[in-house]
Amino acid sequence: MKKRTPSRLQRRRPAPPKDCYFCTEKKEPVYSDVSTLQRFVTDRGKMLSGMRSGICAKHQRRLSTAIKQARFLALLPFLVRD
């Protein structure tokens, strides 16, 4: 008999952090702070979603703008090639 796989909702995903990084540190995402921005970008150069990074919606919007500005100024790569 075929083994049943868990449905999409039953799969366990790692829980995102509960607190927003920028709210707890009391600072705002800035394009020139590359080390902070790299925490929220994957090794392939993609931005992490708010669900995965644990950032509140307000800071997620500002973070995406800051990452795009840093990419435009060549502080962050648009994509990483292997």
PDB file of N, CA and C in Angstrom:
ATOM      1  N   MET A   1       0.823  -1.165   0.000  1.00  0.00           N
ATOM      2  CA  MET A   1       0.000   0.000   0.000  1.00  0.00           C
ATOM      3  C   MET A   1       0.881   1.247   0.000  1.00  0.00           C
ATOM      4  N   LYS A   2       0.450   2.257  -0.734  1.00  0.00           N
ATOM      5  CA  LYS A   2       1.230   3.476  -0.886  1.00  0.00           C
ATOM      6  C   LYS A   2       1.178   4.323   0.387  1.00  0.00           C
ATOM      7  N   LYS A   3       2.318   4.815   0.781  1.00  0.00           N
ATOM      8  CA  LYS A   3       2.408   5.623   1.983  1.00  0.00           C
ATOM      9  C   LYS A   3       1.906   7.039   1.688  1.00  0.00           C
ATOM     10  N   ARG A   4       1.072   7.566   2.554  1.00  0.00           N
ATOM     11  CA  ARG A   4       0.523   8.900   2.336  1.00  0.00           C
ATOM     12  C   ARG A   4       1.506   9.966   2.795  1.00  0.00           C
ATOM     13  N   THR A   5       1.646  10.997   1.992  1.00  0.00           N
ATOM     14  CA  THR A   5       2.487  12.121   2.384  1.00  0.00           C
ATOM     15  C   THR A   5       1.621  13.155   3.091  1.00  0.00           C
ATOM     16  N   PRO A   6       2.198  13.898   4.019  1.00  0.00           N
ATOM     17  CA  PRO A   6       1.399  14.903   4.719  1.00  0.00           C
ATOM     18  C   PRO A   6       0.937  15.996   3.764  1.00  0.00           C
ATOM     19  N   SER A   7      -0.229  16.519   4.032  1.00  0.00           N
ATOM     20  CA  SER A   7      -0.752  17.576   3.172  1.00  0.00           C
ATOM     21  C   SER A   7       0.093  18.830   3.337  1.00  0.00           C
ATOM     22  N   ARG A   8      -0.187  19.773   2.490  1.00  0.00           N
ATOM     23  CA  ARG A   8       0.604  20.998   2.459  1.00  0.00           C
ATOM     24  C   ARG A   8       0.548  21.749   3.784  1.00  0.00           C
ATOM     25  N   LEU A   9      -0.587  21.727   4.446  1.00  0.00           N
ATOM     26  CA  LEU A   9      -0.727  22.455   5.700  1.00  0.00           C
ATOM     27  C   LEU A   9      -0.111  21.725   6.879  1.00  0.00           C
ATOM     28  N   GLN A  10       0.072  20.411   6.760  1.00  0.00           N
ATOM     29  CA  GLN A  10       0.593  19.639   7.875  1.00  0.00           C
ATOM     30  C   GLN A  10       2.112  19.599   7.912  1.00  0.00           C
ATOM     31  N   ARG A  11       2.762  20.026   6.876  1.00  0.00           N
ATOM     32  CA  ARG A  11       4.228  20.005   6.873  1.00  0.00           C
ATOM     33  C   ARG A  11       4.769  20.988   7.888  1.00  0.00           C
ATOM     34  N   ARG A  12       5.820  20.581   8.555  1.00  0.00           N
ATOM     35  CA  ARG A  12       6.425  21.422   9.576  1.00  0.00           C
ATOM     36  C   ARG A  12       7.463  22.325   8.942  1.00  0.00           C
ATOM     37  N   ARG A  13       7.341  23.590   9.190  1.00  0.00           N
ATOM     38  CA  ARG A  13       8.322  24.561   8.723  1.00  0.00           C
ATOM     39  C   ARG A  13       8.987  25.170   9.946  1.00  0.00           C
ATOM     40  N   PRO A  14      10.230  25.587   9.801  1.00  0.00           N
ATOM     41  CA  PRO A  14      10.858  26.231  10.955  1.00  0.00           C
ATOM     42  C   PRO A  14      10.122  27.531  11.288  1.00  0.00           C
ATOM     43  N   ALA A  15       9.903  27.744  12.557  1.00  0.00           N
ATOM     44  CA  ALA A  15       9.165  28.928  12.994  1.00  0.00           C
ATOM     45  C   ALA A  15      10.028  30.169  12.798  1.00  0.00           C
ATOM     46  N   PRO A  16       9.460  31.237  12.250  1.00  0.00           N
ATOM     47  CA  PRO A  16      10.234  32.465  12.078  1.00  0.00           C
ATOM     48  C   PRO A  16      10.462  33.139  13.426  1.00  0.00           C
ATOM     49  N   PRO A  17      11.463  33.996  13.506  1.00  0.00           N
ATOM     50  CA  PRO A  17      11.673  34.718  14.758  1.00  0.00           C
ATOM     51  C   PRO A  17      10.438  35.547  15.108  1.00  0.00           C
ATOM     52  N   LYS A  18      10.138  35.671  16.386  1.00  0.00           N
ATOM     53  CA  LYS A  18       8.921  36.347  16.818  1.00  0.00           C
ATOM     54  C   LYS A  18       9.052  37.868  16.754  1.00  0.00           C
ATOM     55  N   ASP A  19      10.238  38.382  17.000  1.00  0.00           N
ATOM     56  CA  ASP A  19      10.420  39.823  17.090  1.00  0.00           C
ATOM     57  C   ASP A  19      11.112  40.360  15.841  1.00  0.00           C
ATOM     58  N   CYS A  20      10.704  41.546  15.449  1.00  0.00           N
ATOM     59  CA  CYS A  20      11.321  42.219  14.315  1.00  0.00           C
ATOM     60  C   CYS A  20      12.720  42.681  14.725  1.00  0.00           C
ATOM     61  N   TYR A  21      13.710  42.412  13.885  1.00  0.00           N
ATOM     62  CA  TYR A  21      15.090  42.779  14.176  1.00  0.00           C
ATOM     63  C   TYR A  21      15.234  44.286  14.330  1.00  0.00           C
ATOM     64  N   PHE A  22      14.601  45.041  13.442  1.00  0.00           N
ATOM     65  CA  PHE A  22      14.757  46.494  13.458  1.00  0.00           C
ATOM     66  C   PHE A  22      13.990  47.144  14.604  1.00  0.00           C
ATOM     67  N   CYS A  23      12.888  46.555  15.017  1.00  0.00           N
ATOM     68  CA  CYS A  23      12.142  47.089  16.168  1.00  0.00           C
ATOM     69  C   CYS A  23      12.918  46.858  17.461  1.00  0.00           C
ATOM     70  N   THR A  24      13.526  45.688  17.609  1.00  0.00           N
ATOM     71  CA  THR A  24      14.263  45.398  18.841  1.00  0.00           C
ATOM     72  C   THR A  24      15.565  46.188  18.913  1.00  0.00           C
ATOM     73  N   GLU A  25      16.225  46.406  17.768  1.00  0.00           N
ATOM     74  CA  GLU A  25      17.476  47.162  17.750  1.00  0.00           C
ATOM     75  C   GLU A  25      17.251  48.667  17.711  1.00  0.00           C
ATOM     76  N   LYS A  26      15.992  49.087  17.499  1.00  0.00           N
ATOM     77  CA  LYS A  26      15.619  50.498  17.395  1.00  0.00           C
ATOM     78  C   LYS A  26      16.435  51.227  16.330  1.00  0.00           C
ATOM     79  N   LYS A  27      16.480  50.631  15.148  1.00  0.00           N
ATOM     80  CA  LYS A  27      17.132  51.286  14.016  1.00  0.00           C
ATOM     81  C   LYS A  27      16.351  50.996  12.748  1.00  0.00           C
ATOM     82  N   GLU A  28      16.660  51.699  11.690  1.00  0.00           N
ATOM     83  CA  GLU A  28      15.946  51.583  10.425  1.00  0.00           C
ATOM     84  C   GLU A  28      16.866  50.957   9.376  1.00  0.00           C
ATOM     85  N   PRO A  29      16.299  50.251   8.403  1.00  0.00           N
ATOM     86  CA  PRO A  29      17.124  49.713   7.320  1.00  0.00           C
ATOM     87  C   PRO A  29      17.648  50.842   6.433  1.00  0.00           C
ATOM     88  N   VAL A  30      18.958  50.873   6.255  1.00  0.00           N
ATOM     89  CA  VAL A  30      19.611  51.910   5.455  1.00  0.00           C
ATOM     90  C   VAL A  30      20.449  51.215   4.392  1.00  0.00           C
ATOM     91  N   TYR A  31      20.466  51.764   3.184  1.00  0.00           N
ATOM     92  CA  TYR A  31      21.167  51.125   2.068  1.00  0.00           C
ATOM     93  C   TYR A  31      22.665  51.024   2.302  1.00  0.00           C
ATOM     94  N   SER A  32      23.247  51.923   3.085  1.00  0.00           N
ATOM     95  CA  SER A  32      24.699  51.924   3.274  1.00  0.00           C
ATOM     96  C   SER A  32      25.159  50.899   4.314  1.00  0.00           C
ATOM     97  N   ASP A  33      24.251  50.355   5.111  1.00  0.00           N
ATOM     98  CA  ASP A  33      24.591  49.359   6.125  1.00  0.00           C
ATOM     99  C   ASP A  33      24.505  47.963   5.495  1.00  0.00           C
ATOM    100  N   VAL A  34      25.522  47.615   4.724  1.00  0.00           N
ATOM    101  CA  VAL A  34      25.509  46.404   3.912  1.00  0.00           C
ATOM    102  C   VAL A  34      25.526  45.147   4.773  1.00  0.00           C
ATOM    103  N   SER A  35      26.228  45.170   5.881  1.00  0.00           N
ATOM    104  CA  SER A  35      26.309  43.968   6.717  1.00  0.00           C
ATOM    105  C   SER A  35      24.939  43.584   7.286  1.00  0.00           C
ATOM    106  N   THR A  36      24.138  44.573   7.634  1.00  0.00           N
ATOM    107  CA  THR A  36      22.788  44.295   8.118  1.00  0.00           C
ATOM    108  C   THR A  36      21.896  43.813   6.990  1.00  0.00           C
ATOM    109  N   LEU A  37      22.015  44.428   5.817  1.00  0.00           N
ATOM    110  CA  LEU A  37      21.182  44.046   4.684  1.00  0.00           C
ATOM    111  C   LEU A  37      21.473  42.622   4.226  1.00  0.00           C
ATOM    112  N   GLN A  38      22.717  42.177   4.342  1.00  0.00           N
ATOM    113  CA  GLN A  38      23.083  40.836   3.895  1.00  0.00           C
ATOM    114  C   GLN A  38      22.424  39.748   4.748  1.00  0.00           C
ATOM    115  N   ARG A  39      22.000  40.086   5.954  1.00  0.00           N
ATOM    116  CA  ARG A  39      21.298  39.108   6.799  1.00  0.00           C
ATOM    117  C   ARG A  39      19.960  38.713   6.198  1.00  0.00           C
ATOM    118  N   PHE A  40      19.378  39.617   5.399  1.00  0.00           N
ATOM    119  CA  PHE A  40      18.039  39.408   4.864  1.00  0.00           C
ATOM    120  C   PHE A  40      18.055  39.103   3.373  1.00  0.00           C
ATOM    121  N   VAL A  41      19.225  38.689   2.859  1.00  0.00           N
ATOM    122  CA  VAL A  41      19.382  38.286   1.464  1.00  0.00           C
ATOM    123  C   VAL A  41      19.972  36.886   1.463  1.00  0.00           C
ATOM    124  N   THR A  42      19.445  35.996   0.611  1.00  0.00           N
ATOM    125  CA  THR A  42      19.970  34.631   0.556  1.00  0.00           C
ATOM    126  C   THR A  42      21.337  34.610  -0.102  1.00  0.00           C
ATOM    127  N   ASP A  43      21.989  33.454  -0.079  1.00  0.00           N
ATOM    128  CA  ASP A  43      23.301  33.332  -0.708  1.00  0.00           C
ATOM    129  C   ASP A  43      23.211  33.446  -2.224  1.00  0.00           C
ATOM    130  N   ARG A  44      22.013  33.290  -2.783  1.00  0.00           N
ATOM    131  CA  ARG A  44      21.798  33.444  -4.227  1.00  0.00           C
ATOM    132  C   ARG A  44      21.460  34.878  -4.610  1.00  0.00           C
ATOM    133  N   GLY A  45      21.268  35.760  -3.623  1.00  0.00           N
ATOM    134  CA  GLY A  45      20.984  37.156  -3.898  1.00  0.00           C
ATOM    135  C   GLY A  45      19.519  37.526  -3.834  1.00  0.00           C
ATOM    136  N   LYS A  46      18.661  36.625  -3.355  1.00  0.00           N
ATOM    137  CA  LYS A  46      17.233  36.919  -3.267  1.00  0.00           C
ATOM    138  C   LYS A  46      16.892  37.501  -1.896  1.00  0.00           C
ATOM    139  N   MET A  47      15.907  38.386  -1.874  1.00  0.00           N
ATOM    140  CA  MET A  47      15.439  38.948  -0.614  1.00  0.00           C
ATOM    141  C   MET A  47      14.582  37.912   0.113  1.00  0.00           C
ATOM    142  N   LEU A  48      14.744  37.826   1.425  1.00  0.00           N
ATOM    143  CA  LEU A  48      13.914  36.934   2.213  1.00  0.00           C
ATOM    144  C   LEU A  48      12.550  37.579   2.457  1.00  0.00           C
ATOM    145  N   SER A  49      11.519  36.763   2.506  1.00  0.00           N
ATOM    146  CA  SER A  49      10.186  37.276   2.774  1.00  0.00           C
ATOM    147  C   SER A  49      10.051  37.628   4.248  1.00  0.00           C
ATOM    148  N   GLY A  50       9.018  38.374   4.552  1.00  0.00           N
ATOM    149  CA  GLY A  50       8.768  38.749   5.943  1.00  0.00           C
ATOM    150  C   GLY A  50       8.442  37.567   6.821  1.00  0.00           C
ATOM    151  N   MET A  51       7.798  36.546   6.236  1.00  0.00           N
ATOM    152  CA  MET A  51       7.475  35.340   7.003  1.00  0.00           C
ATOM    153  C   MET A  51       8.734  34.589   7.409  1.00  0.00           C
ATOM    154  N   ARG A  52       9.710  34.548   6.535  1.00  0.00           N
ATOM    155  CA  ARG A  52      10.938  33.801   6.836  1.00  0.00           C
ATOM    156  C   ARG A  52      11.908  34.600   7.687  1.00  0.00           C
ATOM    157  N   SER A  53      11.935  35.918   7.519  1.00  0.00           N
ATOM    158  CA  SER A  53      12.896  36.722   8.259  1.00  0.00           C
ATOM    159  C   SER A  53      12.361  37.196   9.604  1.00  0.00           C
ATOM    160  N   GLY A  54      11.026  37.225   9.778  1.00  0.00           N
ATOM    161  CA  GLY A  54      10.439  37.652  11.040  1.00  0.00           C
ATOM    162  C   GLY A  54      10.370  39.154  11.200  1.00  0.00           C
ATOM    163  N   ILE A  55      10.408  39.883  10.103  1.00  0.00           N
ATOM    164  CA  ILE A  55      10.377  41.342  10.155  1.00  0.00           C
ATOM    165  C   ILE A  55       8.939  41.812  10.005  1.00  0.00           C
ATOM    166  N   CYS A  56       8.577  42.876  10.717  1.00  0.00           N
ATOM    167  CA  CYS A  56       7.224  43.423  10.623  1.00  0.00           C
ATOM    168  C   CYS A  56       7.024  44.047   9.237  1.00  0.00           C
ATOM    169  N   ALA A  57       5.771  44.278   8.875  1.00  0.00           N
ATOM    170  CA  ALA A  57       5.433  44.748   7.532  1.00  0.00           C
ATOM    171  C   ALA A  57       6.030  46.119   7.233  1.00  0.00           C
ATOM    172  N   LYS A  58       6.033  46.990   8.213  1.00  0.00           N
ATOM    173  CA  LYS A  58       6.584  48.335   8.013  1.00  0.00           C
ATOM    174  C   LYS A  58       8.060  48.276   7.649  1.00  0.00           C
ATOM    175  N   HIS A  59       8.824  47.495   8.418  1.00  0.00           N
ATOM    176  CA  HIS A  59      10.257  47.407   8.148  1.00  0.00           C
ATOM    177  C   HIS A  59      10.559  46.557   6.920  1.00  0.00           C
ATOM    178  N   GLN A  60       9.679  45.604   6.583  1.00  0.00           N
ATOM    179  CA  GLN A  60       9.885  44.804   5.375  1.00  0.00           C
ATOM    180  C   GLN A  60       9.801  45.697   4.135  1.00  0.00           C
ATOM    181  N   ARG A  61       8.870  46.634   4.113  1.00  0.00           N
ATOM    182  CA  ARG A  61       8.759  47.564   2.980  1.00  0.00           C
ATOM    183  C   ARG A  61       9.996  48.433   2.875  1.00  0.00           C
ATOM    184  N   ARG A  62      10.467  48.943   4.007  1.00  0.00           N
ATOM    185  CA  ARG A  62      11.664  49.794   4.003  1.00  0.00           C
ATOM    186  C   ARG A  62      12.922  48.993   3.675  1.00  0.00           C
ATOM    187  N   LEU A  63      12.956  47.748   4.130  1.00  0.00           N
ATOM    188  CA  LEU A  63      14.106  46.886   3.850  1.00  0.00           C
ATOM    189  C   LEU A  63      14.217  46.596   2.359  1.00  0.00           C
ATOM    190  N   SER A  64      13.103  46.316   1.709  1.00  0.00           N
ATOM    191  CA  SER A  64      13.158  46.020   0.274  1.00  0.00           C
ATOM    192  C   SER A  64      13.631  47.233  -0.512  1.00  0.00           C
ATOM    193  N   THR A  65      13.215  48.430  -0.100  1.00  0.00           N
ATOM    194  CA  THR A  65      13.687  49.650  -0.758  1.00  0.00           C
ATOM    195  C   THR A  65      15.185  49.834  -0.536  1.00  0.00           C
ATOM    196  N   ALA A  66      15.646  49.577   0.685  1.00  0.00           N
ATOM    197  CA  ALA A  66      17.075  49.741   0.995  1.00  0.00           C
ATOM    198  C   ALA A  66      17.921  48.732   0.225  1.00  0.00           C
ATOM    199  N   ILE A  67      17.445  47.499   0.089  1.00  0.00           N
ATOM    200  CA  ILE A  67      18.197  46.486  -0.666  1.00  0.00           C
ATOM    201  C   ILE A  67      18.261  46.871  -2.132  1.00  0.00           C
ATOM    202  N   LYS A  68      17.160  47.374  -2.684  1.00  0.00           N
ATOM    203  CA  LYS A  68      17.153  47.790  -4.084  1.00  0.00           C
ATOM    204  C   LYS A  68      18.088  48.967  -4.316  1.00  0.00           C
ATOM    205  N   GLN A  69      18.143  49.915  -3.372  1.00  0.00           N
ATOM    206  CA  GLN A  69      19.073  51.040  -3.487  1.00  0.00           C
ATOM    207  C   GLN A  69      20.514  50.555  -3.424  1.00  0.00           C
ATOM    208  N   ALA A  70      20.804  49.620  -2.517  1.00  0.00           N
ATOM    209  CA  ALA A  70      22.165  49.093  -2.391  1.00  0.00           C
ATOM    210  C   ALA A  70      22.574  48.321  -3.643  1.00  0.00           C
ATOM    211  N   ARG A  71      21.644  47.619  -4.260  1.00  0.00           N
ATOM    212  CA  ARG A  71      21.947  46.926  -5.511  1.00  0.00           C
ATOM    213  C   ARG A  71      22.250  47.919  -6.620  1.00  0.00           C
ATOM    214  N   PHE A  72      21.463  48.982  -6.694  1.00  0.00           N
ATOM    215  CA  PHE A  72      21.661  49.988  -7.735  1.00  0.00           C
ATOM    216  C   PHE A  72      23.010  50.671  -7.596  1.00  0.00           C
ATOM    217  N   LEU A  73      23.469  50.864  -6.367  1.00  0.00           N
ATOM    218  CA  LEU A  73      24.767  51.497  -6.116  1.00  0.00           C
ATOM    219  C   LEU A  73      25.912  50.487  -6.090  1.00  0.00           C
ATOM    220  N   ALA A  74      25.630  49.233  -6.427  1.00  0.00           N
ATOM    221  CA  ALA A  74      26.622  48.157  -6.510  1.00  0.00           C
ATOM    222  C   ALA A  74      27.228  47.811  -5.151  1.00  0.00           C
ATOM    223  N   LEU A  75      26.483  48.029  -4.072  1.00  0.00           N
ATOM    224  CA  LEU A  75      26.935  47.590  -2.757  1.00  0.00           C
ATOM    225  C   LEU A  75      26.536  46.140  -2.507  1.00  0.00           C
ATOM    226  N   LEU A  76      25.435  45.717  -3.125  1.00  0.00           N
ATOM    227  CA  LEU A  76      24.968  44.332  -3.084  1.00  0.00           C
ATOM    228  C   LEU A  76      24.814  43.836  -4.519  1.00  0.00           C
ATOM    229  N   PRO A  77      25.043  42.548  -4.742  1.00  0.00           N
ATOM    230  CA  PRO A  77      24.856  42.026  -6.105  1.00  0.00           C
ATOM    231  C   PRO A  77      23.376  41.804  -6.439  1.00  0.00           C
ATOM    232  N   PHE A  78      23.038  41.946  -7.716  1.00  0.00           N
ATOM    233  CA  PHE A  78      21.685  41.619  -8.156  1.00  0.00           C
ATOM    234  C   PHE A  78      21.468  40.105  -8.115  1.00  0.00           C
ATOM    235  N   LEU A  79      22.469  39.349  -8.554  1.00  0.00           N
ATOM    236  CA  LEU A  79      22.425  37.897  -8.455  1.00  0.00           C
ATOM    237  C   LEU A  79      23.836  37.372  -8.340  1.00  0.00           C
ATOM    238  N   VAL A  80      23.965  36.198  -7.760  1.00  0.00           N
ATOM    239  CA  VAL A  80      25.273  35.585  -7.548  1.00  0.00           C
ATOM    240  C   VAL A  80      25.394  34.418  -8.504  1.00  0.00           C
ATOM    241  N   ARG A  81      26.418  34.434  -9.319  1.00  0.00           N
ATOM    242  CA  ARG A  81      26.624  33.347 -10.274  1.00  0.00           C
ATOM    243  C   ARG A  81      27.639  32.364  -9.713  1.00  0.00           C
ATOM    244  N   ASP A  82      27.381  31.110  -9.961  1.00  0.00           N
ATOM    245  CA  ASP A  82      28.293  30.061  -9.473  1.00  0.00           C
ATOM    246  C   ASP A  82      29.451  29.847 -10.416  1.00  0.00           C
TER     247      ASP A  82
END
